């Protein structure tokens, strides 16, 4: 039977603040197969969950994360910004998809090292653009990678050979049957983000995607029951 992986975007952000332990737990309760979270480093090199490069949007402090120690982040957010290690523990046996915004060689090494130290390599995979994913591949030859691709033109073979992704990760509006078929012919899986309406979810399933990332994982679960069961 065909399956489509239901990925919860930053947890369950329509109900609980994104990229928090409560958001991860809520997404899992609502049927997520995997939870996508964003990981950045604090000034003192601690991987934490935050999409933006400052605390302003979510926590009301216009302070760059890169200028704050982990202790300062904990104080400013009352412990609300979890570390990657805490997120791994909170996810339990569920998979985490780690998005690495602004990932460079140093931050990627630290993040991949944290995953390795936690013994979570088998239930963790990585997504971002080609540069960050090249750093992931260098840090872990066995890492599972969903390389984000933002154009209809296919990645060059030399890039695919260097990154060795399992998935190509596309904005949902780019995905059609022809693209999905082409990616599958190349031996890769298709991931689409971020689809929040049932109509879009059904379209993506019909086009043959293998994974859908959404802010409404309960709605996606309902669509998948309707279309695949």
Foldseek 3Di string as FASTA:
>chain_A
DAAAAEEEEQAQVVVDPGQFLVSVVNNVVLPHLEYEFEWDAALVGFIWTDDDQACCPPQNDRGGRNDGHPVRVCVSRVNGIGTPLVNLVSNPQGAYEYEYVVADLSNLLSVVVSCVVSVNQVRYAYEDALRNLLSNCVNPVPGAYAYEDEDLDDDDPVSCVSNVHQHHEYALVSDALVSQVVCVVVVHAYEYDDDEDLVSLLRNVVSPHRYYYYSCSNSNVVSCVVPPD
